[in-house]
Amino acid sequence: MLFSVQKFKALVKPLALAAFIPVLLAGCQVKPLYSSVSGEPIAVIDISQADTRIEQVTRNQLVFLNGGAQAGAAEYRLDLNVTSSAAGVLDAGTDNNFTAGRMTVSGSFTLTRLSDGEVIRTAKRQVTSQYDLPDQEFAKIRALQDAENRAGRELADVIYADISAELRK
């Protein structure tokens, strides 16, 4: 009888510990650094319309980061101008074909408070994305576009962090 009670006690301790760990972890939360506590956007920001594809990628990411809030009475206006440029990095052998490249996406923005027209923040930001250039033509075009998209989304993240920090002051 004593042997079975000891076995029971040895079995209960790990089970109790396994049941207690989820209770401890339930209190852990991971939140973005520049998000609001309630999950609401930092402010209703009217973002200027895009003129180019890369500007549209960056604008879409900014809208997404701010909770999709584009409707309603805007408190701020964000004038955005985004450009991109591609450059080869490594040349391959004697034919001087580049096998790797660098996509640079540059953006300048001006954040204006609409109530009084005061310019809150003006800045220029730049993001670089690396890519490989395969021999196939369609793959090259797709690699360039993917690098441009990646850099445009990263640029939006940088701009949003900059705006968030400014509006949280």
C-alpha atoms as a PDB file:
ATOM      1  CA  MET A   1       0.000   0.000   0.000  1.00  0.00           C
ATOM      2  CA  LEU A   2       2.814   2.391   0.863  1.00  0.00           C
ATOM      3  CA  PHE A   3       4.462   1.777  -2.499  1.00  0.00           C
ATOM      4  CA  SER A   4       1.358   2.766  -4.452  1.00  0.00           C
ATOM      5  CA  VAL A   5       0.885   5.991  -2.449  1.00  0.00           C
ATOM      6  CA  GLN A   6       4.462   7.038  -3.241  1.00  0.00           C
ATOM      7  CA  LYS A   7       3.892   6.304  -6.923  1.00  0.00           C
ATOM      8  CA  PHE A   8       0.719   8.377  -6.797  1.00  0.00           C
ATOM      9  CA  LYS A   9       2.528  11.312  -5.175  1.00  0.00           C
ATOM     10  CA  ALA A  10       5.334  11.096  -7.743  1.00  0.00           C
ATOM     11  CA  LEU A  11       2.772  11.215 -10.548  1.00  0.00           C
ATOM     12  CA  VAL A  12       0.709  14.072  -9.099  1.00  0.00           C
ATOM     13  CA  LYS A  13       3.590  16.582  -8.739  1.00  0.00           C
ATOM     14  CA  PRO A  14       4.461  16.776 -12.475  1.00  0.00           C
ATOM     15  CA  LEU A  15       0.786  16.907 -13.422  1.00  0.00           C
ATOM     16  CA  ALA A  16       0.142  19.745 -10.989  1.00  0.00           C
ATOM     17  CA  LEU A  17       3.170  21.616 -12.335  1.00  0.00           C
ATOM     18  CA  ALA A  18       2.028  21.055 -15.937  1.00  0.00           C
ATOM     19  CA  ALA A  19      -1.416  22.425 -15.073  1.00  0.00           C
ATOM     20  CA  PHE A  20       0.034  25.461 -13.278  1.00  0.00           C
ATOM     21  CA  ILE A  21       2.402  26.630 -16.076  1.00  0.00           C
ATOM     22  CA  PRO A  22      -0.395  27.731 -18.478  1.00  0.00           C
ATOM     23  CA  VAL A  23      -1.913  29.791 -15.655  1.00  0.00           C
ATOM     24  CA  LEU A  24       1.388  31.639 -15.237  1.00  0.00           C
ATOM     25  CA  LEU A  25       1.824  32.187 -18.978  1.00  0.00           C
ATOM     26  CA  ALA A  26      -1.720  33.503 -19.417  1.00  0.00           C
ATOM     27  CA  GLY A  27      -0.595  36.851 -17.985  1.00  0.00           C
ATOM     28  CA  CYS A  28       2.166  37.342 -20.562  1.00  0.00           C
ATOM     29  CA  GLN A  29       1.410  39.715 -23.426  1.00  0.00           C
ATOM     30  CA  VAL A  30       3.374  40.941 -26.393  1.00  0.00           C
ATOM     31  CA  LYS A  31       2.413  44.333 -27.803  1.00  0.00           C
ATOM     32  CA  PRO A  32       3.985  46.588 -30.416  1.00  0.00           C
ATOM     33  CA  LEU A  33       6.077  49.411 -29.048  1.00  0.00           C
ATOM     34  CA  TYR A  34       4.177  52.237 -30.753  1.00  0.00           C
ATOM     35  CA  SER A  35       0.629  50.939 -30.547  1.00  0.00           C
ATOM     36  CA  SER A  36      -2.110  52.393 -28.463  1.00  0.00           C
ATOM     37  CA  VAL A  37      -3.338  50.481 -25.441  1.00  0.00           C
ATOM     38  CA  SER A  38      -6.836  49.923 -26.803  1.00  0.00           C
ATOM     39  CA  GLY A  39      -5.717  48.869 -30.287  1.00  0.00           C
ATOM     40  CA  GLU A  40      -7.016  52.100 -31.794  1.00  0.00           C
ATOM     41  CA  PRO A  41      -4.941  53.999 -34.385  1.00  0.00           C
ATOM     42  CA  ILE A  42      -2.599  56.695 -33.104  1.00  0.00           C
ATOM     43  CA  ALA A  43      -4.708  59.331 -34.855  1.00  0.00           C
ATOM     44  CA  VAL A  44      -6.941  59.670 -37.876  1.00  0.00           C
ATOM     45  CA  ILE A  45      -4.410  60.495 -40.564  1.00  0.00           C
ATOM     46  CA  ASP A  46      -5.327  61.399 -44.119  1.00  0.00           C
ATOM     47  CA  ILE A  47      -2.517  60.019 -46.292  1.00  0.00           C
ATOM     48  CA  SER A  48      -1.958  61.607 -49.708  1.00  0.00           C
ATOM     49  CA  GLN A  49      -2.892  59.585 -52.790  1.00  0.00           C
ATOM     50  CA  ALA A  50      -0.151  57.588 -54.479  1.00  0.00           C
ATOM     51  CA  ASP A  51       1.264  58.462 -57.887  1.00  0.00           C
ATOM     52  CA  THR A  52       3.507  55.422 -58.408  1.00  0.00           C
ATOM     53  CA  ARG A  53       3.324  51.714 -57.641  1.00  0.00           C
ATOM     54  CA  ILE A  54       5.970  51.855 -54.906  1.00  0.00           C
ATOM     55  CA  GLU A  55       4.257  54.851 -53.341  1.00  0.00           C
ATOM     56  CA  GLN A  56       1.023  52.809 -53.293  1.00  0.00           C
ATOM     57  CA  VAL A  57       2.791  49.890 -51.563  1.00  0.00           C
ATOM     58  CA  THR A  58       4.129  52.238 -48.895  1.00  0.00           C
ATOM     59  CA  ARG A  59       0.790  54.025 -48.502  1.00  0.00           C
ATOM     60  CA  ASN A  60      -1.096  50.722 -48.132  1.00  0.00           C
ATOM     61  CA  GLN A  61       1.289  49.577 -45.402  1.00  0.00           C
ATOM     62  CA  LEU A  62       0.890  52.907 -43.564  1.00  0.00           C
ATOM     63  CA  VAL A  63      -2.901  52.568 -43.713  1.00  0.00           C
ATOM     64  CA  PHE A  64      -2.626  49.004 -42.397  1.00  0.00           C
ATOM     65  CA  LEU A  65      -0.287  50.002 -39.565  1.00  0.00           C
ATOM     66  CA  ASN A  66      -2.665  52.750 -38.479  1.00  0.00           C
ATOM     67  CA  GLY A  67      -5.559  50.328 -38.178  1.00  0.00           C
ATOM     68  CA  GLY A  68      -7.056  51.067 -41.581  1.00  0.00           C
ATOM     69  CA  ALA A  69      -8.462  54.357 -40.302  1.00  0.00           C
ATOM     70  CA  GLN A  70      -8.978  56.482 -43.390  1.00  0.00           C
ATOM     71  CA  ALA A  71     -12.615  57.429 -42.951  1.00  0.00           C
ATOM     72  CA  GLY A  72     -13.977  60.165 -40.772  1.00  0.00           C
ATOM     73  CA  ALA A  73     -12.703  63.546 -39.774  1.00  0.00           C
ATOM     74  CA  ALA A  74      -8.936  63.449 -40.110  1.00  0.00           C
ATOM     75  CA  GLU A  75      -6.813  65.174 -37.484  1.00  0.00           C
ATOM     76  CA  TYR A  76      -3.584  65.101 -39.514  1.00  0.00           C
ATOM     77  CA  ARG A  77      -2.502  65.066 -43.143  1.00  0.00           C
ATOM     78  CA  LEU A  78       0.506  63.038 -44.280  1.00  0.00           C
ATOM     79  CA  ASP A  79       1.995  64.155 -47.599  1.00  0.00           C
ATOM     80  CA  LEU A  80       4.113  61.298 -48.874  1.00  0.00           C
ATOM     81  CA  ASN A  81       6.587  61.117 -51.762  1.00  0.00           C
ATOM     82  CA  VAL A  82       8.331  57.775 -52.446  1.00  0.00           C
ATOM     83  CA  THR A  83      10.896  56.903 -55.119  1.00  0.00           C
ATOM     84  CA  SER A  84      12.972  53.814 -55.826  1.00  0.00           C
ATOM     85  CA  SER A  85      16.227  53.018 -57.601  1.00  0.00           C
ATOM     86  CA  ALA A  86      17.979  49.745 -58.383  1.00  0.00           C
ATOM     87  CA  ALA A  87      21.709  49.166 -58.688  1.00  0.00           C
ATOM     88  CA  GLY A  88      23.871  46.115 -59.352  1.00  0.00           C
ATOM     89  CA  VAL A  89      26.236  44.976 -56.649  1.00  0.00           C
ATOM     90  CA  LEU A  90      28.255  42.003 -57.867  1.00  0.00           C
ATOM     91  CA  ASP A  91      29.337  41.519 -61.454  1.00  0.00           C
ATOM     92  CA  ALA A  92      29.797  37.993 -62.719  1.00  0.00           C
ATOM     93  CA  GLY A  93      32.875  37.282 -64.785  1.00  0.00           C
ATOM     94  CA  THR A  94      33.825  38.787 -68.110  1.00  0.00           C
ATOM     95  CA  ASP A  95      30.362  39.583 -69.457  1.00  0.00           C
ATOM     96  CA  ASN A  96      29.679  42.126 -66.667  1.00  0.00           C
ATOM     97  CA  ASN A  97      26.219  40.788 -65.879  1.00  0.00           C
ATOM     98  CA  PHE A  98      25.186  41.646 -62.358  1.00  0.00           C
ATOM     99  CA  THR A  99      24.126  38.689 -60.205  1.00  0.00           C
ATOM    100  CA  ALA A 100      23.012  40.633 -57.152  1.00  0.00           C
ATOM    101  CA  GLY A 101      21.419  43.995 -56.690  1.00  0.00           C
ATOM    102  CA  ARG A 102      20.390  46.631 -54.231  1.00  0.00           C
ATOM    103  CA  MET A 103      16.959  48.270 -54.249  1.00  0.00           C
ATOM    104  CA  THR A 104      16.843  51.620 -52.491  1.00  0.00           C
ATOM    105  CA  VAL A 105      13.469  53.137 -51.650  1.00  0.00           C
ATOM    106  CA  SER A 106      13.498  56.729 -50.445  1.00  0.00           C
ATOM    107  CA  GLY A 107      10.598  58.571 -48.929  1.00  0.00           C
ATOM    108  CA  SER A 108       9.998  62.086 -47.764  1.00  0.00           C
ATOM    109  CA  PHE A 109       6.961  63.034 -45.736  1.00  0.00           C
ATOM    110  CA  THR A 110       5.317  65.983 -44.071  1.00  0.00           C
ATOM    111  CA  LEU A 111       2.849  65.541 -41.228  1.00  0.00           C
ATOM    112  CA  THR A 112       0.517  68.514 -40.825  1.00  0.00           C
ATOM    113  CA  ARG A 113      -2.097  69.158 -38.137  1.00  0.00           C
ATOM    114  CA  LEU A 114      -5.283  70.085 -39.980  1.00  0.00           C
ATOM    115  CA  SER A 115      -6.856  72.144 -37.183  1.00  0.00           C
ATOM    116  CA  ASP A 116      -4.265  74.923 -37.372  1.00  0.00           C
ATOM    117  CA  GLY A 117      -2.091  73.975 -40.393  1.00  0.00           C
ATOM    118  CA  GLU A 118       1.027  73.510 -38.255  1.00  0.00           C
ATOM    119  CA  VAL A 119       3.684  71.218 -39.702  1.00  0.00           C
ATOM    120  CA  ILE A 120       4.374  68.635 -37.003  1.00  0.00           C
ATOM    121  CA  ARG A 121       7.128  66.639 -38.668  1.00  0.00           C
ATOM    122  CA  THR A 122       9.082  66.693 -41.927  1.00  0.00           C
ATOM    123  CA  ALA A 123      11.666  64.031 -42.640  1.00  0.00           C
ATOM    124  CA  LYS A 124      13.353  61.890 -45.274  1.00  0.00           C
ATOM    125  CA  ARG A 125      13.896  58.176 -44.781  1.00  0.00           C
ATOM    126  CA  GLN A 126      15.607  55.538 -46.894  1.00  0.00           C
ATOM    127  CA  VAL A 127      15.505  51.718 -46.876  1.00  0.00           C
ATOM    128  CA  THR A 128      17.689  49.306 -48.848  1.00  0.00           C
ATOM    129  CA  SER A 129      16.746  45.782 -49.860  1.00  0.00           C
ATOM    130  CA  GLN A 130      19.065  43.192 -51.414  1.00  0.00           C
ATOM    131  CA  TYR A 131      18.033  40.817 -54.199  1.00  0.00           C
ATOM    132  CA  ASP A 132      19.477  38.172 -56.532  1.00  0.00           C
ATOM    133  CA  LEU A 133      19.306  38.497 -60.306  1.00  0.00           C
ATOM    134  CA  PRO A 134      18.778  35.151 -62.009  1.00  0.00           C
ATOM    135  CA  ASP A 135      19.337  34.547 -65.730  1.00  0.00           C
ATOM    136  CA  GLN A 136      15.636  34.312 -66.611  1.00  0.00           C
ATOM    137  CA  GLU A 137      14.071  37.616 -67.623  1.00  0.00           C
ATOM    138  CA  PHE A 138      10.736  37.149 -65.846  1.00  0.00           C
ATOM    139  CA  ALA A 139      12.548  36.067 -62.671  1.00  0.00           C
ATOM    140  CA  LYS A 140      14.654  39.251 -62.829  1.00  0.00           C
ATOM    141  CA  ILE A 141      11.560  41.434 -63.115  1.00  0.00           C
ATOM    142  CA  ARG A 142       9.893  39.576 -60.238  1.00  0.00           C
ATOM    143  CA  ALA A 143      13.019  39.818 -58.060  1.00  0.00           C
ATOM    144  CA  LEU A 144      13.155  43.584 -58.634  1.00  0.00           C
ATOM    145  CA  GLN A 145       9.466  43.961 -57.825  1.00  0.00           C
ATOM    146  CA  ASP A 146       9.716  41.804 -54.691  1.00  0.00           C
ATOM    147  CA  ALA A 147      12.706  43.802 -53.446  1.00  0.00           C
ATOM    148  CA  GLU A 148      10.858  47.049 -54.142  1.00  0.00           C
ATOM    149  CA  ASN A 149       7.756  45.802 -52.280  1.00  0.00           C
ATOM    150  CA  ARG A 150       9.836  44.648 -49.320  1.00  0.00           C
ATOM    151  CA  ALA A 151      11.688  47.956 -49.094  1.00  0.00           C
ATOM    152  CA  GLY A 152       8.443  49.938 -49.493  1.00  0.00           C
ATOM    153  CA  ARG A 153       6.804  48.099 -46.587  1.00  0.00           C
ATOM    154  CA  GLU A 154       9.906  48.555 -44.439  1.00  0.00           C
ATOM    155  CA  LEU A 155       9.932  52.266 -45.308  1.00  0.00           C
ATOM    156  CA  ALA A 156       6.309  52.498 -44.153  1.00  0.00           C
ATOM    157  CA  ASP A 157       7.291  50.848 -40.858  1.00  0.00           C
ATOM    158  CA  VAL A 158      10.066  53.405 -40.345  1.00  0.00           C
ATOM    159  CA  ILE A 159       7.799  56.331 -41.218  1.00  0.00           C
ATOM    160  CA  TYR A 160       5.026  55.041 -38.951  1.00  0.00           C
ATOM    161  CA  ALA A 161       7.439  54.657 -36.032  1.00  0.00           C
ATOM    162  CA  ASP A 162       8.680  58.203 -36.632  1.00  0.00           C
ATOM    163  CA  ILE A 163       5.133  59.615 -36.758  1.00  0.00           C
ATOM    164  CA  SER A 164       4.063  57.610 -33.703  1.00  0.00           C
ATOM    165  CA  ALA A 165       6.978  58.885 -31.678  1.00  0.00           C
ATOM    166  CA  GLU A 166       6.171  62.463 -32.705  1.00  0.00           C
ATOM    167  CA  LEU A 167       2.470  62.200 -31.863  1.00  0.00           C
ATOM    168  CA  ARG A 168       3.161  60.538 -28.491  1.00  0.00           C
ATOM    169  CA  LYS A 169       5.228  63.512 -27.255  1.00  0.00           C
END
